[in-house]
């Protein structure tokens, strides 16, 4: 099984599809600014749960954020947990100026 993730900027979300299907198996909704991408909601269809769709969405979208030089604000609990579990993406986490120490 192959999960393909694409950015759908007209819908402000990443979409995941399985094995080349046209059916969207999961989405990661976002708000994007020139410096930041905030992931606000992630949803995987019940028929597609347990197949790595959510992880593929997170991994691909976080890699894209890194490539674009964006910080990541994890409003969605799924993204917050993913960032907390995977130190590879720790450098992407957004911190407000009041949280940054000089």
N, C-alpha and C. Protein backbone atom coordinates (compact mmCIF):
# COMPACT_ATOMS: atom_id res chain seq x y z
N UNK A 1 0.84 -1.18 0.00
CA UNK A 1 0.00 0.00 0.00
C UNK A 1 0.89 1.25 0.00
N UNK A 2 0.59 2.16 -0.89
CA UNK A 2 1.34 3.40 -1.01
C UNK A 2 0.43 4.57 -0.65
N UNK A 3 0.94 5.44 0.23
CA UNK A 3 0.21 6.66 0.59
C UNK A 3 0.88 7.81 -0.16
N UNK A 4 0.09 8.53 -0.94
CA UNK A 4 0.58 9.69 -1.67
C UNK A 4 -0.02 10.94 -1.03
N UNK A 5 0.85 11.88 -0.69
CA UNK A 5 0.42 13.12 -0.05
C UNK A 5 0.70 14.27 -1.00
N UNK A 6 -0.30 15.12 -1.20
CA UNK A 6 -0.14 16.30 -2.05
C UNK A 6 -0.68 17.52 -1.32
N UNK A 7 -0.09 18.66 -1.62
CA UNK A 7 -0.59 19.92 -1.09
C UNK A 7 -1.73 20.40 -1.99
N UNK A 8 -2.83 20.79 -1.37
CA UNK A 8 -3.96 21.36 -2.10
C UNK A 8 -4.15 22.79 -1.56
N UNK A 9 -3.30 23.73 -2.00
CA UNK A 9 -3.33 25.08 -1.42
C UNK A 9 -4.67 25.79 -1.62
N UNK A 10 -5.40 25.47 -2.68
CA UNK A 10 -6.70 26.10 -2.88
C UNK A 10 -7.69 25.71 -1.78
N UNK A 11 -7.45 24.59 -1.11
CA UNK A 11 -8.31 24.13 -0.01
C UNK A 11 -7.61 24.28 1.35
N UNK A 12 -6.40 24.85 1.36
CA UNK A 12 -5.62 25.03 2.58
C UNK A 12 -5.44 23.71 3.33
N UNK A 13 -5.01 22.68 2.60
CA UNK A 13 -4.82 21.39 3.25
C UNK A 13 -3.91 20.48 2.42
N UNK A 14 -3.34 19.53 3.13
CA UNK A 14 -2.65 18.42 2.48
C UNK A 14 -3.65 17.29 2.39
N UNK A 15 -3.57 16.53 1.30
CA UNK A 15 -4.48 15.41 1.09
C UNK A 15 -3.68 14.14 0.88
N UNK A 16 -4.16 13.05 1.47
CA UNK A 16 -3.53 11.74 1.30
C UNK A 16 -4.46 10.82 0.53
N UNK A 17 -3.88 10.08 -0.38
CA UNK A 17 -4.62 9.09 -1.16
C UNK A 17 -3.85 7.78 -1.11
N UNK A 18 -4.58 6.67 -1.19
CA UNK A 18 -3.96 5.35 -1.14
C UNK A 18 -3.88 4.73 -2.52
N UNK A 19 -2.72 4.17 -2.83
CA UNK A 19 -2.52 3.39 -4.05
C UNK A 19 -3.04 4.06 -5.32
N UNK A 20 -2.80 5.36 -5.45
CA UNK A 20 -3.19 6.06 -6.66
C UNK A 20 -4.66 6.34 -6.82
N UNK A 21 -5.45 6.09 -5.81
CA UNK A 21 -6.89 6.33 -5.86
C UNK A 21 -7.19 7.83 -5.93
N UNK A 22 -8.36 8.16 -6.48
CA UNK A 22 -8.82 9.54 -6.47
C UNK A 22 -9.49 9.91 -5.15
N UNK A 23 -9.78 8.91 -4.33
CA UNK A 23 -10.46 9.12 -3.05
C UNK A 23 -9.49 9.67 -2.02
N UNK A 24 -9.88 10.74 -1.35
CA UNK A 24 -9.05 11.31 -0.29
C UNK A 24 -9.24 10.46 0.96
N UNK A 25 -8.12 9.91 1.45
CA UNK A 25 -8.14 9.03 2.62
C UNK A 25 -7.94 9.83 3.91
N UNK A 26 -7.31 10.99 3.80
CA UNK A 26 -7.06 11.82 4.98
C UNK A 26 -6.64 13.21 4.58
N UNK A 27 -6.80 14.15 5.52
CA UNK A 27 -6.43 15.54 5.26
C UNK A 27 -5.72 16.13 6.48
N UNK A 28 -4.90 17.13 6.21
CA UNK A 28 -4.28 17.94 7.26
C UNK A 28 -4.55 19.39 6.88
N UNK A 29 -5.49 20.01 7.57
CA UNK A 29 -5.89 21.39 7.30
C UNK A 29 -4.86 22.35 7.90
N UNK A 30 -4.55 23.42 7.18
CA UNK A 30 -3.55 24.36 7.68
C UNK A 30 -3.91 25.80 7.39
N UNK A 31 -3.22 26.68 8.11
CA UNK A 31 -3.22 28.12 7.86
C UNK A 31 -1.76 28.47 7.61
N UNK A 32 -1.49 29.12 6.50
CA UNK A 32 -0.10 29.40 6.13
C UNK A 32 0.12 30.89 5.98
N UNK A 33 1.25 31.35 6.53
CA UNK A 33 1.72 32.71 6.34
C UNK A 33 3.10 32.60 5.68
N UNK A 34 3.72 33.70 5.32
CA UNK A 34 5.05 33.61 4.72
C UNK A 34 6.12 32.99 5.64
N UNK A 35 5.92 33.04 6.95
CA UNK A 35 6.92 32.51 7.88
C UNK A 35 6.48 31.26 8.62
N UNK A 36 5.20 30.92 8.59
CA UNK A 36 4.65 29.92 9.50
C UNK A 36 3.56 29.10 8.83
N UNK A 37 3.49 27.82 9.21
CA UNK A 37 2.34 27.00 8.83
C UNK A 37 1.77 26.43 10.12
N UNK A 38 0.48 26.65 10.33
CA UNK A 38 -0.21 26.16 11.52
C UNK A 38 -1.12 25.01 11.09
N UNK A 39 -0.87 23.84 11.64
CA UNK A 39 -1.72 22.69 11.35
C UNK A 39 -2.85 22.68 12.38
N UNK A 40 -4.08 22.85 11.88
CA UNK A 40 -5.21 23.06 12.77
C UNK A 40 -6.14 21.86 12.90
N UNK A 41 -6.10 20.95 11.94
CA UNK A 41 -7.00 19.79 12.00
C UNK A 41 -6.48 18.68 11.10
N UNK A 42 -6.48 17.48 11.62
CA UNK A 42 -6.10 16.30 10.84
C UNK A 42 -7.24 15.30 10.94
N UNK A 43 -7.57 14.70 9.81
CA UNK A 43 -8.66 13.73 9.80
C UNK A 43 -8.32 12.60 8.83
N UNK A 44 -8.53 11.37 9.29
CA UNK A 44 -8.35 10.19 8.44
C UNK A 44 -9.68 9.46 8.42
N UNK A 45 -10.15 9.12 7.23
CA UNK A 45 -11.41 8.40 7.10
C UNK A 45 -11.37 7.07 7.85
N UNK A 46 -12.49 6.71 8.45
CA UNK A 46 -12.56 5.49 9.25
C UNK A 46 -12.10 4.25 8.48
N UNK A 47 -12.41 4.20 7.21
CA UNK A 47 -12.03 3.05 6.40
C UNK A 47 -10.52 2.97 6.16
N UNK A 48 -9.80 4.06 6.47
CA UNK A 48 -8.37 4.12 6.18
C UNK A 48 -7.51 4.19 7.43
N UNK A 49 -8.13 4.13 8.60
CA UNK A 49 -7.37 4.21 9.85
C UNK A 49 -6.45 3.00 10.00
N UNK A 50 -5.32 3.23 10.66
CA UNK A 50 -4.38 2.15 10.91
C UNK A 50 -3.50 1.78 9.73
N UNK A 51 -3.50 2.60 8.70
CA UNK A 51 -2.70 2.33 7.51
C UNK A 51 -1.54 3.31 7.33
N UNK A 52 -1.29 4.12 8.33
CA UNK A 52 -0.19 5.07 8.25
C UNK A 52 -0.51 6.35 7.51
N UNK A 53 -1.79 6.60 7.27
CA UNK A 53 -2.19 7.80 6.52
C UNK A 53 -1.83 9.06 7.30
N UNK A 54 -2.17 9.10 8.59
CA UNK A 54 -1.88 10.28 9.40
C UNK A 54 -0.38 10.55 9.48
N UNK A 55 0.39 9.50 9.70
CA UNK A 55 1.85 9.67 9.78
C UNK A 55 2.42 10.15 8.46
N UNK A 56 1.91 9.64 7.35
CA UNK A 56 2.38 10.09 6.04
C UNK A 56 2.05 11.57 5.82
N UNK A 57 0.85 11.97 6.22
CA UNK A 57 0.46 13.38 6.12
C UNK A 57 1.42 14.26 6.91
N UNK A 58 1.69 13.87 8.16
CA UNK A 58 2.58 14.66 9.01
C UNK A 58 3.99 14.70 8.43
N UNK A 59 4.53 13.57 8.10
CA UNK A 59 5.90 13.49 7.60
C UNK A 59 6.08 14.33 6.32
N UNK A 60 5.20 14.14 5.36
CA UNK A 60 5.33 14.85 4.08
C UNK A 60 5.13 16.36 4.25
N UNK A 61 4.15 16.75 5.05
CA UNK A 61 3.89 18.19 5.23
C UNK A 61 4.99 18.86 6.04
N UNK A 62 5.55 18.15 7.02
CA UNK A 62 6.65 18.72 7.80
C UNK A 62 7.92 18.82 6.95
N UNK A 63 8.16 17.84 6.10
CA UNK A 63 9.29 17.93 5.18
C UNK A 63 9.12 19.11 4.22
N UNK A 64 7.89 19.34 3.76
CA UNK A 64 7.62 20.47 2.88
C UNK A 64 7.81 21.80 3.61
N UNK A 65 7.39 21.84 4.88
CA UNK A 65 7.58 23.06 5.68
C UNK A 65 9.06 23.36 5.83
N UNK A 66 9.84 22.33 6.11
CA UNK A 66 11.29 22.53 6.23
C UNK A 66 11.87 23.05 4.92
N UNK A 67 11.49 22.44 3.81
CA UNK A 67 12.01 22.85 2.50
C UNK A 67 11.65 24.29 2.18
N UNK A 68 10.50 24.75 2.67
CA UNK A 68 10.05 26.13 2.41
C UNK A 68 10.56 27.11 3.46
N UNK A 69 11.29 26.63 4.45
CA UNK A 69 11.82 27.51 5.50
C UNK A 69 10.77 28.00 6.47
N UNK A 70 9.70 27.22 6.68
CA UNK A 70 8.61 27.63 7.55
C UNK A 70 8.75 27.03 8.94
N UNK A 71 8.31 27.77 9.94
CA UNK A 71 8.14 27.23 11.29
C UNK A 71 6.78 26.57 11.34
N UNK A 72 6.60 25.67 12.30
CA UNK A 72 5.36 24.90 12.41
C UNK A 72 4.70 25.15 13.76
N UNK A 73 3.44 25.52 13.71
CA UNK A 73 2.62 25.66 14.91
C UNK A 73 1.63 24.51 14.90
N UNK A 74 1.74 23.64 15.89
CA UNK A 74 0.88 22.45 15.96
C UNK A 74 -0.34 22.74 16.83
N UNK A 75 -1.37 23.29 16.22
CA UNK A 75 -2.64 23.52 16.92
C UNK A 75 -3.38 22.19 17.07
N UNK A 76 -3.30 21.37 16.07
CA UNK A 76 -3.93 20.05 16.05
C UNK A 76 -3.18 19.12 17.01
N UNK A 77 -3.88 18.43 17.90
CA UNK A 77 -3.22 17.51 18.84
C UNK A 77 -2.41 16.40 18.15
N UNK A 78 -2.87 15.94 17.00
CA UNK A 78 -2.11 14.90 16.29
C UNK A 78 -0.73 15.42 15.91
N UNK A 79 -0.66 16.62 15.37
CA UNK A 79 0.63 17.20 15.00
C UNK A 79 1.48 17.49 16.22
N UNK A 80 0.86 17.95 17.29
CA UNK A 80 1.61 18.19 18.52
C UNK A 80 2.27 16.91 19.02
N UNK A 81 1.52 15.81 19.01
CA UNK A 81 2.07 14.53 19.43
C UNK A 81 3.15 14.04 18.50
N UNK A 82 2.94 14.22 17.21
CA UNK A 82 3.93 13.78 16.22
C UNK A 82 5.24 14.53 16.42
N UNK A 83 5.17 15.84 16.59
CA UNK A 83 6.38 16.64 16.81
C UNK A 83 7.08 16.24 18.12
N UNK A 84 6.30 15.95 19.15
CA UNK A 84 6.88 15.58 20.44
C UNK A 84 7.58 14.22 20.36
N UNK A 85 7.08 13.32 19.54
CA UNK A 85 7.65 11.97 19.44
C UNK A 85 8.83 11.88 18.48
N UNK A 86 8.95 12.80 17.56
CA UNK A 86 9.98 12.68 16.53
C UNK A 86 10.96 13.85 16.61
N UNK A 87 12.12 13.64 17.23
CA UNK A 87 13.08 14.74 17.40
C UNK A 87 13.63 15.28 16.08
N UNK A 88 13.45 14.54 14.99
CA UNK A 88 13.91 15.01 13.68
C UNK A 88 13.25 16.33 13.29
N UNK A 89 12.05 16.57 13.82
CA UNK A 89 11.29 17.77 13.45
C UNK A 89 11.25 18.84 14.54
N UNK A 90 11.98 18.63 15.62
CA UNK A 90 11.94 19.57 16.76
C UNK A 90 12.35 20.98 16.35
N UNK A 91 13.26 21.10 15.41
CA UNK A 91 13.73 22.42 14.99
C UNK A 91 12.68 23.23 14.26
N UNK A 92 11.61 22.60 13.82
CA UNK A 92 10.55 23.30 13.10
C UNK A 92 9.53 23.97 14.03
N UNK A 93 9.49 23.55 15.28
CA UNK A 93 8.44 24.02 16.20
C UNK A 93 8.51 25.53 16.39
N UNK A 94 7.38 26.15 16.19
CA UNK A 94 7.26 27.60 16.38
C UNK A 94 7.31 27.93 17.86
N UNK A 95 8.02 29.00 18.20
CA UNK A 95 8.02 29.54 19.55
C UNK A 95 7.73 31.02 19.44
N UNK A 96 6.81 31.48 20.27
CA UNK A 96 6.53 32.92 20.25
C UNK A 96 7.74 33.67 20.78
N UNK A 97 7.83 34.92 20.47
CA UNK A 97 8.97 35.70 20.91
C UNK A 97 9.10 35.71 22.42
N UNK A 98 8.00 35.61 23.15
CA UNK A 98 8.06 35.60 24.60
C UNK A 98 8.63 34.28 25.12
N UNK A 99 8.65 33.22 24.32
CA UNK A 99 9.18 31.93 24.73
C UNK A 99 10.66 31.78 24.37
N UNK A 100 11.15 32.61 23.49
CA UNK A 100 12.53 32.49 23.04
C UNK A 100 13.44 33.22 24.02
N UNK A 101 14.45 32.51 24.50
CA UNK A 101 15.40 33.16 25.43
C UNK A 101 16.56 33.73 24.63
N UNK A 102 17.06 34.84 25.09
CA UNK A 102 18.18 35.50 24.39
C UNK A 102 19.50 34.96 24.87
